């Protein structure tokens, strides 16, 4: 019973912090500490931060990370980008198949660094794809309503991306899973 109370307290604390963080973002008061960072180091931080999420629910998550060699550096707020990646990984686990199969991949294309998270879930219906990044928006189906969440995660990811002169892409097809990608300018831009 005590363990359950501690877990619920931590969950509520994280939700409150997420709401406060979103409020700072919307008010333009969120300060990002931009520094030149190695992409591989960012992904390692995200992997380590994701491990506790991976263990929730006792699911056997098939997780793999692939990082291209010699990726250019990026100028980012490391904490904000790591949090965004962890959010995408948590969503991939939450809405992935059974068991969840998640791939975290970093590559470069056309002078940008692409950090992609792919899942094996049901995919996102085309009409929903335009709205999924709106605050408090959740796909209206029974599956998503049974999953915990504030409806702020993807809105925060989108806001963090914009603050970094970056953007988020979504490639999803019903029945074939989804790939969310943070597309970041390189430090040389």
N, C-alpha and C. Protein backbone atom coordinates (compact mmCIF):
# COMPACT_ATOMS: atom_id res chain seq x y z
N UNK A 1 0.82 -1.19 0.00
CA UNK A 1 0.00 0.00 0.00
C UNK A 1 0.87 1.26 0.00
N UNK A 2 1.95 1.24 0.80
CA UNK A 2 2.85 2.40 0.85
C UNK A 2 3.52 2.62 -0.50
N UNK A 3 3.93 1.54 -1.17
CA UNK A 3 4.56 1.65 -2.48
C UNK A 3 3.59 2.29 -3.48
N UNK A 4 2.34 1.87 -3.45
CA UNK A 4 1.33 2.41 -4.33
C UNK A 4 1.12 3.91 -4.08
N UNK A 5 1.12 4.29 -2.82
CA UNK A 5 0.97 5.69 -2.45
C UNK A 5 2.14 6.53 -2.96
N UNK A 6 3.34 6.00 -2.82
CA UNK A 6 4.54 6.70 -3.29
C UNK A 6 4.49 6.85 -4.81
N UNK A 7 4.11 5.78 -5.52
CA UNK A 7 4.03 5.84 -6.98
C UNK A 7 3.00 6.88 -7.43
N UNK A 8 1.85 6.89 -6.79
CA UNK A 8 0.80 7.84 -7.16
C UNK A 8 1.24 9.26 -6.85
N UNK A 9 1.92 9.46 -5.73
CA UNK A 9 2.44 10.77 -5.37
C UNK A 9 3.45 11.26 -6.41
N UNK A 10 4.34 10.36 -6.84
CA UNK A 10 5.32 10.72 -7.86
C UNK A 10 4.64 11.05 -9.18
N UNK A 11 3.62 10.27 -9.56
CA UNK A 11 2.89 10.52 -10.80
C UNK A 11 2.22 11.90 -10.78
N UNK A 12 1.57 12.22 -9.66
CA UNK A 12 0.91 13.52 -9.54
C UNK A 12 1.92 14.66 -9.54
N UNK A 13 3.03 14.46 -8.86
CA UNK A 13 4.09 15.47 -8.83
C UNK A 13 4.63 15.75 -10.23
N UNK A 14 4.83 14.69 -11.01
CA UNK A 14 5.31 14.86 -12.39
C UNK A 14 4.28 15.59 -13.24
N UNK A 15 3.01 15.26 -13.04
CA UNK A 15 1.95 15.91 -13.81
C UNK A 15 1.88 17.40 -13.46
N UNK A 16 2.00 17.73 -12.19
CA UNK A 16 1.98 19.14 -11.78
C UNK A 16 3.18 19.88 -12.38
N UNK A 17 4.35 19.26 -12.32
CA UNK A 17 5.54 19.89 -12.90
C UNK A 17 5.37 20.09 -14.40
N UNK A 18 4.76 19.13 -15.07
CA UNK A 18 4.51 19.25 -16.52
C UNK A 18 3.57 20.41 -16.81
N UNK A 19 2.51 20.55 -15.99
CA UNK A 19 1.57 21.66 -16.17
C UNK A 19 2.25 23.01 -15.92
N UNK A 20 3.08 23.07 -14.89
CA UNK A 20 3.80 24.32 -14.60
C UNK A 20 4.79 24.66 -15.72
N UNK A 21 5.48 23.64 -16.22
CA UNK A 21 6.42 23.83 -17.32
C UNK A 21 5.68 24.33 -18.56
N UNK A 22 4.53 23.72 -18.85
CA UNK A 22 3.74 24.16 -20.00
C UNK A 22 3.31 25.62 -19.82
N UNK A 23 2.90 25.99 -18.61
CA UNK A 23 2.51 27.38 -18.34
C UNK A 23 3.66 28.35 -18.62
N UNK A 24 4.88 27.99 -18.21
CA UNK A 24 6.05 28.83 -18.49
C UNK A 24 6.29 28.93 -19.99
N UNK A 25 6.12 27.83 -20.70
CA UNK A 25 6.32 27.83 -22.15
C UNK A 25 5.31 28.75 -22.83
N UNK A 26 4.04 28.60 -22.49
CA UNK A 26 3.00 29.41 -23.12
C UNK A 26 3.16 30.89 -22.80
N UNK A 27 3.65 31.18 -21.62
CA UNK A 27 3.83 32.58 -21.22
C UNK A 27 5.13 33.17 -21.77
N UNK A 28 5.94 32.33 -22.43
CA UNK A 28 7.22 32.83 -22.96
C UNK A 28 8.26 33.03 -21.88
N UNK A 29 8.07 32.41 -20.72
CA UNK A 29 9.01 32.57 -19.60
C UNK A 29 9.94 31.37 -19.44
N UNK A 30 9.80 30.39 -20.29
CA UNK A 30 10.67 29.21 -20.22
C UNK A 30 12.04 29.60 -20.79
N UNK A 31 13.07 29.39 -20.00
CA UNK A 31 14.43 29.75 -20.42
C UNK A 31 15.16 28.47 -20.80
N UNK A 32 15.68 28.46 -22.03
CA UNK A 32 16.45 27.32 -22.52
C UNK A 32 17.93 27.67 -22.46
N UNK A 33 18.71 26.77 -21.88
CA UNK A 33 20.16 26.96 -21.79
C UNK A 33 20.80 26.21 -22.94
N UNK A 34 21.05 26.91 -24.04
CA UNK A 34 21.57 26.30 -25.25
C UNK A 34 23.08 26.13 -25.20
N UNK A 35 23.53 24.91 -25.51
CA UNK A 35 24.96 24.60 -25.55
C UNK A 35 25.20 23.63 -26.69
N UNK A 36 26.43 23.59 -27.17
CA UNK A 36 26.79 22.61 -28.19
C UNK A 36 26.89 21.24 -27.54
N UNK A 37 26.18 20.28 -28.11
CA UNK A 37 26.10 18.94 -27.52
C UNK A 37 26.33 17.87 -28.59
N UNK A 38 26.88 16.73 -28.16
CA UNK A 38 27.02 15.56 -29.03
C UNK A 38 25.70 14.79 -29.00
N UNK A 39 25.19 14.44 -30.16
CA UNK A 39 23.91 13.74 -30.25
C UNK A 39 23.95 12.41 -29.51
N UNK A 40 25.04 11.69 -29.66
CA UNK A 40 25.13 10.38 -28.99
C UNK A 40 24.99 10.52 -27.48
N UNK A 41 25.58 11.57 -26.90
CA UNK A 41 25.47 11.80 -25.45
C UNK A 41 24.02 12.10 -25.05
N UNK A 42 23.33 12.86 -25.88
CA UNK A 42 21.92 13.19 -25.61
C UNK A 42 21.09 11.91 -25.62
N UNK A 43 21.32 11.07 -26.60
CA UNK A 43 20.56 9.82 -26.69
C UNK A 43 20.87 8.87 -25.54
N UNK A 44 22.10 8.84 -25.11
CA UNK A 44 22.45 8.01 -23.94
C UNK A 44 21.73 8.51 -22.69
N UNK A 45 21.68 9.83 -22.52
CA UNK A 45 20.93 10.40 -21.38
C UNK A 45 19.45 10.02 -21.47
N UNK A 46 18.88 10.11 -22.68
CA UNK A 46 17.47 9.77 -22.88
C UNK A 46 17.23 8.29 -22.59
N UNK A 47 18.14 7.44 -23.05
CA UNK A 47 18.01 6.00 -22.80
C UNK A 47 18.01 5.72 -21.30
N UNK A 48 18.96 6.34 -20.59
CA UNK A 48 19.04 6.13 -19.14
C UNK A 48 17.78 6.66 -18.43
N UNK A 49 17.29 7.81 -18.86
CA UNK A 49 16.10 8.38 -18.24
C UNK A 49 14.85 7.57 -18.56
N UNK A 50 14.86 6.89 -19.70
CA UNK A 50 13.70 6.10 -20.11
C UNK A 50 13.60 4.76 -19.38
N UNK A 51 14.71 4.22 -18.91
CA UNK A 51 14.74 2.89 -18.28
C UNK A 51 13.65 2.73 -17.21
N UNK A 52 13.47 3.67 -16.27
CA UNK A 52 12.40 3.48 -15.27
C UNK A 52 11.02 3.38 -15.91
N UNK A 53 10.77 4.12 -17.00
CA UNK A 53 9.48 4.05 -17.69
C UNK A 53 9.31 2.67 -18.33
N UNK A 54 10.41 2.15 -18.84
CA UNK A 54 10.41 0.87 -19.53
C UNK A 54 10.01 -0.26 -18.58
N UNK A 55 10.34 -0.10 -17.31
CA UNK A 55 10.07 -1.14 -16.32
C UNK A 55 8.66 -1.07 -15.75
N UNK A 56 7.93 0.02 -16.05
CA UNK A 56 6.57 0.18 -15.53
C UNK A 56 5.64 -0.81 -16.23
N UNK A 57 4.81 -1.44 -15.47
CA UNK A 57 3.80 -2.34 -16.04
C UNK A 57 4.31 -3.74 -16.31
N UNK A 58 5.57 -3.98 -16.11
CA UNK A 58 6.12 -5.32 -16.29
C UNK A 58 6.11 -5.83 -17.72
N UNK A 59 5.91 -4.93 -18.68
CA UNK A 59 5.89 -5.35 -20.08
C UNK A 59 7.31 -5.70 -20.54
N UNK A 60 7.40 -6.63 -21.45
CA UNK A 60 8.67 -6.99 -22.05
C UNK A 60 8.87 -6.11 -23.28
N UNK A 61 9.50 -4.95 -23.09
CA UNK A 61 9.68 -3.98 -24.16
C UNK A 61 10.90 -4.35 -25.00
N UNK A 62 10.70 -4.44 -26.30
CA UNK A 62 11.79 -4.68 -27.24
C UNK A 62 12.32 -3.31 -27.65
N UNK A 63 13.41 -2.88 -27.03
CA UNK A 63 13.96 -1.53 -27.26
C UNK A 63 15.35 -1.64 -27.86
N UNK A 64 15.60 -0.83 -28.87
CA UNK A 64 16.94 -0.78 -29.48
C UNK A 64 17.24 0.66 -29.87
N UNK A 65 18.52 1.00 -29.80
CA UNK A 65 18.97 2.34 -30.16
C UNK A 65 20.05 2.22 -31.24
N UNK A 66 19.95 3.06 -32.24
CA UNK A 66 20.92 3.07 -33.33
C UNK A 66 21.32 4.52 -33.61
N UNK A 67 22.63 4.78 -33.53
CA UNK A 67 23.14 6.13 -33.74
C UNK A 67 24.19 6.07 -34.85
N UNK A 68 23.95 6.83 -35.91
CA UNK A 68 24.93 6.90 -37.00
C UNK A 68 26.24 7.45 -36.47
N UNK A 69 27.33 6.99 -37.03
CA UNK A 69 28.65 7.49 -36.67
C UNK A 69 28.83 8.91 -37.19
N UNK A 70 29.66 9.67 -36.52
CA UNK A 70 30.07 11.01 -36.96
C UNK A 70 28.91 11.98 -37.19
N UNK A 71 27.91 11.93 -36.32
CA UNK A 71 26.83 12.91 -36.43
C UNK A 71 27.35 14.29 -36.05
N UNK A 72 26.89 15.33 -36.73
CA UNK A 72 27.30 16.68 -36.33
C UNK A 72 26.69 17.04 -34.98
N UNK A 73 27.33 17.97 -34.29
CA UNK A 73 26.81 18.44 -33.01
C UNK A 73 25.57 19.30 -33.23
N UNK A 74 24.80 19.46 -32.17
CA UNK A 74 23.62 20.32 -32.19
C UNK A 74 23.73 21.32 -31.05
N UNK A 75 23.05 22.44 -31.18
CA UNK A 75 23.01 23.44 -30.11
C UNK A 75 21.63 23.36 -29.48
N UNK A 76 21.58 22.81 -28.26
CA UNK A 76 20.30 22.53 -27.61
C UNK A 76 20.38 22.75 -26.11
N UNK A 77 19.21 22.82 -25.51
CA UNK A 77 19.07 22.70 -24.07
C UNK A 77 18.96 21.20 -23.83
N UNK A 78 20.02 20.62 -23.34
CA UNK A 78 20.11 19.16 -23.23
C UNK A 78 18.94 18.57 -22.45
N UNK A 79 18.62 19.18 -21.31
CA UNK A 79 17.53 18.67 -20.48
C UNK A 79 16.21 18.67 -21.25
N UNK A 80 15.90 19.75 -21.95
CA UNK A 80 14.63 19.86 -22.67
C UNK A 80 14.55 18.84 -23.80
N UNK A 81 15.64 18.64 -24.53
CA UNK A 81 15.63 17.68 -25.63
C UNK A 81 15.55 16.25 -25.09
N UNK A 82 16.29 15.96 -24.03
CA UNK A 82 16.22 14.62 -23.42
C UNK A 82 14.80 14.35 -22.95
N UNK A 83 14.17 15.32 -22.29
CA UNK A 83 12.80 15.16 -21.81
C UNK A 83 11.85 14.90 -22.98
N UNK A 84 12.06 15.60 -24.10
CA UNK A 84 11.22 15.40 -25.28
C UNK A 84 11.38 13.98 -25.84
N UNK A 85 12.61 13.50 -25.89
CA UNK A 85 12.86 12.15 -26.40
C UNK A 85 12.23 11.12 -25.47
N UNK A 86 12.38 11.30 -24.16
CA UNK A 86 11.79 10.37 -23.20
C UNK A 86 10.27 10.37 -23.35
N UNK A 87 9.69 11.54 -23.59
CA UNK A 87 8.25 11.63 -23.81
C UNK A 87 7.86 10.78 -25.02
N UNK A 88 8.61 10.91 -26.11
CA UNK A 88 8.30 10.13 -27.32
C UNK A 88 8.47 8.64 -27.07
N UNK A 89 9.51 8.26 -26.31
CA UNK A 89 9.72 6.85 -25.99
C UNK A 89 8.59 6.31 -25.11
N UNK A 90 8.17 7.09 -24.14
CA UNK A 90 7.08 6.67 -23.25
C UNK A 90 5.78 6.49 -24.03
N UNK A 91 5.52 7.42 -24.95
CA UNK A 91 4.33 7.29 -25.80
C UNK A 91 4.41 6.05 -26.68
N UNK A 92 5.61 5.79 -27.22
CA UNK A 92 5.79 4.61 -28.07
C UNK A 92 5.51 3.34 -27.27
N UNK A 93 5.90 3.32 -26.01
CA UNK A 93 5.62 2.16 -25.17
C UNK A 93 4.14 2.09 -24.85
N UNK A 94 3.57 3.23 -24.49
CA UNK A 94 2.16 3.28 -24.08
C UNK A 94 1.22 2.87 -25.21
N UNK A 95 1.51 3.32 -26.43
CA UNK A 95 0.61 3.07 -27.55
C UNK A 95 1.17 2.05 -28.54
N UNK A 96 2.29 1.43 -28.18
CA UNK A 96 2.90 0.43 -29.05
C UNK A 96 2.12 -0.88 -29.02
N UNK A 97 2.62 -1.83 -29.79
CA UNK A 97 1.97 -3.14 -29.87
C UNK A 97 2.20 -3.94 -28.60
N UNK A 98 1.80 -5.21 -28.66
CA UNK A 98 1.98 -6.10 -27.52
C UNK A 98 2.83 -7.27 -27.97
N UNK A 99 4.05 -7.38 -27.51
CA UNK A 99 4.74 -6.41 -26.65
C UNK A 99 5.21 -5.21 -27.47
N UNK A 100 5.46 -4.09 -26.79
CA UNK A 100 5.93 -2.90 -27.50
C UNK A 100 7.31 -3.13 -28.11
N UNK A 101 7.48 -2.68 -29.34
CA UNK A 101 8.77 -2.71 -30.04
C UNK A 101 9.10 -1.26 -30.37
N UNK A 102 10.20 -0.76 -29.77
CA UNK A 102 10.55 0.66 -29.89
C UNK A 102 11.96 0.79 -30.43
N UNK A 103 12.12 1.69 -31.40
CA UNK A 103 13.43 1.98 -31.97
C UNK A 103 13.72 3.46 -31.83
N UNK A 104 14.89 3.77 -31.28
CA UNK A 104 15.38 5.14 -31.16
C UNK A 104 16.56 5.25 -32.12
N UNK A 105 16.45 6.16 -33.08
CA UNK A 105 17.48 6.25 -34.10
C UNK A 105 17.87 7.70 -34.33
N UNK A 106 19.18 7.93 -34.50
CA UNK A 106 19.67 9.27 -34.84
C UNK A 106 20.48 9.17 -36.12
N UNK A 107 20.18 10.08 -37.04
CA UNK A 107 20.87 10.12 -38.33
C UNK A 107 20.95 11.57 -38.78
N UNK A 108 21.57 11.77 -39.93
CA UNK A 108 21.64 13.12 -40.49
C UNK A 108 21.19 13.07 -41.94
N UNK A 109 20.53 14.14 -42.32
CA UNK A 109 20.04 14.24 -43.70
C UNK A 109 19.87 15.72 -44.03
N UNK A 110 20.39 16.11 -45.17
CA UNK A 110 20.25 17.49 -45.66
C UNK A 110 20.66 18.53 -44.61
N UNK A 111 21.76 18.26 -43.91
CA UNK A 111 22.28 19.22 -42.95
C UNK A 111 21.50 19.32 -41.65
N UNK A 112 20.63 18.35 -41.39
CA UNK A 112 19.86 18.33 -40.14
C UNK A 112 20.08 17.00 -39.44
N UNK A 113 19.93 17.02 -38.13
CA UNK A 113 20.01 15.80 -37.34
C UNK A 113 18.58 15.34 -37.07
N UNK A 114 18.32 14.07 -37.32
CA UNK A 114 16.98 13.51 -37.14
C UNK A 114 17.04 12.48 -36.02
N UNK A 115 16.29 12.75 -34.96
CA UNK A 115 16.17 11.82 -33.84
C UNK A 115 14.76 11.25 -33.91
N UNK A 116 14.67 9.96 -34.27
CA UNK A 116 13.37 9.34 -34.54
C UNK A 116 13.05 8.24 -33.53
N UNK A 117 11.78 8.18 -33.15
CA UNK A 117 11.27 7.13 -32.28
C UNK A 117 10.16 6.42 -33.04
N UNK A 118 10.35 5.11 -33.24
CA UNK A 118 9.39 4.30 -34.00
C UNK A 118 8.77 3.25 -33.08
N UNK A 119 7.46 3.04 -33.24
CA UNK A 119 6.78 2.00 -32.46
C UNK A 119 6.06 1.04 -33.40
N UNK A 120 5.53 -0.01 -32.82
CA UNK A 120 4.80 -1.02 -33.58
C UNK A 120 3.31 -1.01 -33.21
N UNK A 121 2.80 0.17 -32.88
CA UNK A 121 1.42 0.29 -32.44
C UNK A 121 0.42 0.27 -33.59
N UNK A 122 -0.79 0.65 -33.27
CA UNK A 122 -1.90 0.63 -34.23
C UNK A 122 -1.81 1.76 -35.25
N UNK A 123 -0.93 2.72 -35.03
CA UNK A 123 -0.85 3.86 -35.93
C UNK A 123 -1.87 4.92 -35.54
N UNK A 124 -1.75 6.07 -36.17
CA UNK A 124 -2.62 7.20 -35.86
C UNK A 124 -3.45 7.52 -37.09
N UNK A 125 -4.78 7.52 -36.97
CA UNK A 125 -5.63 7.82 -38.12
C UNK A 125 -5.29 9.18 -38.72
N UNK A 126 -5.35 9.27 -40.03
CA UNK A 126 -4.99 10.49 -40.77
C UNK A 126 -5.66 11.74 -40.20
N UNK A 127 -6.97 11.75 -39.94
CA UNK A 127 -7.61 12.97 -39.44
C UNK A 127 -7.04 13.43 -38.09
N UNK A 128 -6.57 12.48 -37.29
CA UNK A 128 -6.04 12.81 -35.96
C UNK A 128 -4.62 13.37 -36.02
N UNK A 129 -3.89 13.07 -37.08
CA UNK A 129 -2.48 13.44 -37.15
C UNK A 129 -2.26 14.95 -37.10
N UNK A 130 -3.19 15.72 -37.61
CA UNK A 130 -3.04 17.19 -37.59
C UNK A 130 -3.26 17.76 -36.20
N UNK A 131 -4.06 17.08 -35.39
CA UNK A 131 -4.44 17.63 -34.09
C UNK A 131 -3.64 17.09 -32.92
N UNK A 132 -2.88 16.05 -33.15
CA UNK A 132 -2.24 15.32 -32.05
C UNK A 132 -1.24 16.16 -31.24
N UNK A 133 -0.75 17.26 -31.83
CA UNK A 133 0.22 18.11 -31.14
C UNK A 133 -0.44 19.26 -30.37
N UNK A 134 -1.78 19.32 -30.39
CA UNK A 134 -2.50 20.36 -29.65
C UNK A 134 -2.50 20.03 -28.16
N UNK A 135 -2.45 21.06 -27.33
CA UNK A 135 -2.47 20.81 -25.88
C UNK A 135 -3.78 20.16 -25.47
N UNK A 136 -3.66 19.21 -24.57
CA UNK A 136 -4.76 18.46 -23.98
C UNK A 136 -5.53 17.59 -24.98
N UNK A 137 -5.06 17.50 -26.22
CA UNK A 137 -5.75 16.67 -27.20
C UNK A 137 -5.32 15.22 -27.07
N UNK A 138 -6.30 14.34 -27.06
CA UNK A 138 -6.02 12.90 -27.06
C UNK A 138 -6.96 12.27 -28.06
N UNK A 139 -6.46 11.30 -28.79
CA UNK A 139 -7.29 10.62 -29.78
C UNK A 139 -8.49 10.02 -29.07
N UNK A 140 -9.65 10.23 -29.64
CA UNK A 140 -10.88 9.79 -29.00
C UNK A 140 -11.20 8.35 -29.36
N UNK A 141 -10.54 7.44 -28.68
CA UNK A 141 -10.91 6.04 -28.79
C UNK A 141 -10.74 5.39 -27.43
N UNK A 142 -11.32 4.23 -27.28
CA UNK A 142 -11.29 3.56 -25.98
C UNK A 142 -9.88 3.23 -25.53
N UNK A 143 -8.97 2.89 -26.48
CA UNK A 143 -7.61 2.53 -26.12
C UNK A 143 -6.88 3.71 -25.47
N UNK A 144 -6.97 4.89 -26.10
CA UNK A 144 -6.23 6.03 -25.55
C UNK A 144 -6.80 6.48 -24.22
N UNK A 145 -8.08 6.29 -24.01
CA UNK A 145 -8.70 6.70 -22.75
C UNK A 145 -8.30 5.80 -21.59
N UNK A 146 -7.85 4.60 -21.89
CA UNK A 146 -7.41 3.71 -20.82
C UNK A 146 -5.95 3.95 -20.46
N UNK A 147 -5.25 4.78 -21.22
CA UNK A 147 -3.84 5.07 -20.98
C UNK A 147 -3.71 6.36 -20.20
N UNK A 148 -2.80 6.35 -19.22
CA UNK A 148 -2.54 7.54 -18.43
C UNK A 148 -1.90 8.62 -19.28
N UNK A 149 -2.17 9.86 -18.96
CA UNK A 149 -1.50 10.96 -19.64
C UNK A 149 -2.26 12.25 -19.47
N UNK A 150 -1.53 13.35 -19.66
CA UNK A 150 -2.12 14.67 -19.47
C UNK A 150 -2.60 15.29 -20.77
N UNK A 151 -2.18 14.73 -21.89
CA UNK A 151 -2.50 15.35 -23.17
C UNK A 151 -1.59 16.52 -23.48
N UNK A 152 -0.52 16.68 -22.71
CA UNK A 152 0.42 17.78 -22.93
C UNK A 152 1.73 17.34 -23.57
N UNK A 153 2.04 16.06 -23.51
CA UNK A 153 3.36 15.58 -23.93
C UNK A 153 3.78 16.01 -25.32
N UNK A 154 2.95 15.75 -26.32
CA UNK A 154 3.32 16.10 -27.69
C UNK A 154 3.29 17.61 -27.93
N UNK A 155 2.42 18.32 -27.21
CA UNK A 155 2.42 19.79 -27.31
C UNK A 155 3.74 20.35 -26.78
N UNK A 156 4.23 19.76 -25.69
CA UNK A 156 5.51 20.18 -25.13
C UNK A 156 6.65 19.86 -26.09
N UNK A 157 6.64 18.66 -26.66
CA UNK A 157 7.67 18.28 -27.63
C UNK A 157 7.71 19.28 -28.79
N UNK A 158 6.53 19.64 -29.29
CA UNK A 158 6.45 20.59 -30.41
C UNK A 158 6.99 21.96 -29.99
N UNK A 159 6.64 22.41 -28.80
CA UNK A 159 7.11 23.72 -28.31
C UNK A 159 8.62 23.72 -28.14
N UNK A 160 9.17 22.65 -27.55
CA UNK A 160 10.62 22.54 -27.37
C UNK A 160 11.31 22.56 -28.73
N UNK A 161 10.76 21.83 -29.69
CA UNK A 161 11.35 21.82 -31.04
C UNK A 161 11.40 23.23 -31.62
N UNK A 162 10.29 23.95 -31.55
CA UNK A 162 10.25 25.32 -32.09
C UNK A 162 11.27 26.23 -31.41
N UNK A 163 11.43 26.06 -30.10
CA UNK A 163 12.39 26.88 -29.35
C UNK A 163 13.83 26.61 -29.80
N UNK A 164 14.04 25.47 -30.46
CA UNK A 164 15.37 25.09 -30.95
C UNK A 164 15.51 25.27 -32.47
N UNK A 165 14.62 26.05 -33.06
CA UNK A 165 14.60 26.24 -34.53
C UNK A 165 14.51 24.88 -35.23
N UNK A 166 13.74 24.00 -34.65
CA UNK A 166 13.59 22.64 -35.16
C UNK A 166 12.10 22.37 -35.39
N UNK A 167 11.78 21.15 -35.78
CA UNK A 167 10.38 20.77 -35.92
C UNK A 167 10.23 19.27 -35.64
N UNK A 168 8.97 18.87 -35.47
CA UNK A 168 8.64 17.48 -35.21
C UNK A 168 7.87 16.95 -36.41
N UNK A 169 8.22 15.75 -36.84
CA UNK A 169 7.48 15.12 -37.93
C UNK A 169 6.79 13.87 -37.41
N UNK A 170 5.76 13.47 -38.11
CA UNK A 170 5.02 12.26 -37.78
C UNK A 170 4.78 11.48 -39.06
N UNK A 171 5.18 10.23 -39.05
CA UNK A 171 4.89 9.31 -40.15
C UNK A 171 4.15 8.14 -39.54
N UNK A 172 2.88 7.99 -39.89
CA UNK A 172 2.07 6.95 -39.27
C UNK A 172 1.06 6.42 -40.26
N UNK A 173 0.84 5.13 -40.16
CA UNK A 173 -0.15 4.49 -41.00
C UNK A 173 -0.90 3.50 -40.11
N UNK A 174 -2.22 3.53 -40.21
CA UNK A 174 -3.02 2.64 -39.36
C UNK A 174 -2.59 1.20 -39.57
N UNK A 175 -2.37 0.51 -38.44
CA UNK A 175 -1.97 -0.88 -38.47
C UNK A 175 -0.48 -1.10 -38.64
N UNK A 176 0.29 -0.02 -38.83
CA UNK A 176 1.72 -0.17 -39.09
C UNK A 176 2.60 0.65 -38.16
N UNK A 177 2.06 1.21 -37.11
CA UNK A 177 2.87 1.95 -36.16
C UNK A 177 3.10 3.39 -36.55
N UNK A 178 3.94 4.06 -35.76
CA UNK A 178 4.22 5.48 -35.95
C UNK A 178 5.69 5.77 -35.75
N UNK A 179 6.16 6.82 -36.43
CA UNK A 179 7.50 7.34 -36.20
C UNK A 179 7.38 8.83 -35.98
N UNK A 180 7.79 9.27 -34.78
CA UNK A 180 7.88 10.68 -34.45
C UNK A 180 9.35 11.04 -34.54
N UNK A 181 9.66 12.18 -35.16
CA UNK A 181 11.08 12.57 -35.29
C UNK A 181 11.26 14.04 -34.94
N UNK A 182 12.29 14.29 -34.14
CA UNK A 182 12.74 15.66 -33.88
C UNK A 182 13.79 15.95 -34.96
N UNK A 183 13.58 17.01 -35.71
CA UNK A 183 14.50 17.38 -36.79
C UNK A 183 15.20 18.68 -36.36
N UNK A 184 16.49 18.55 -36.00
CA UNK A 184 17.25 19.65 -35.42
C UNK A 184 18.30 20.19 -36.38
N UNK A 185 18.47 21.51 -36.42
CA UNK A 185 19.58 22.06 -37.20
C UNK A 185 20.90 21.68 -36.54
N UNK A 186 21.93 21.54 -37.34
CA UNK A 186 23.24 21.21 -36.78
C UNK A 186 23.88 22.47 -36.20
N UNK A 187 24.89 22.27 -35.38
CA UNK A 187 25.58 23.39 -34.74
C UNK A 187 26.28 24.28 -35.76
N UNK A 188 26.57 23.76 -36.92
CA UNK A 188 27.29 24.55 -37.94
C UNK A 188 26.37 25.48 -38.71
N UNK A 189 25.04 25.32 -38.55
CA UNK A 189 24.11 26.20 -39.28
C UNK A 189 24.07 27.59 -38.71
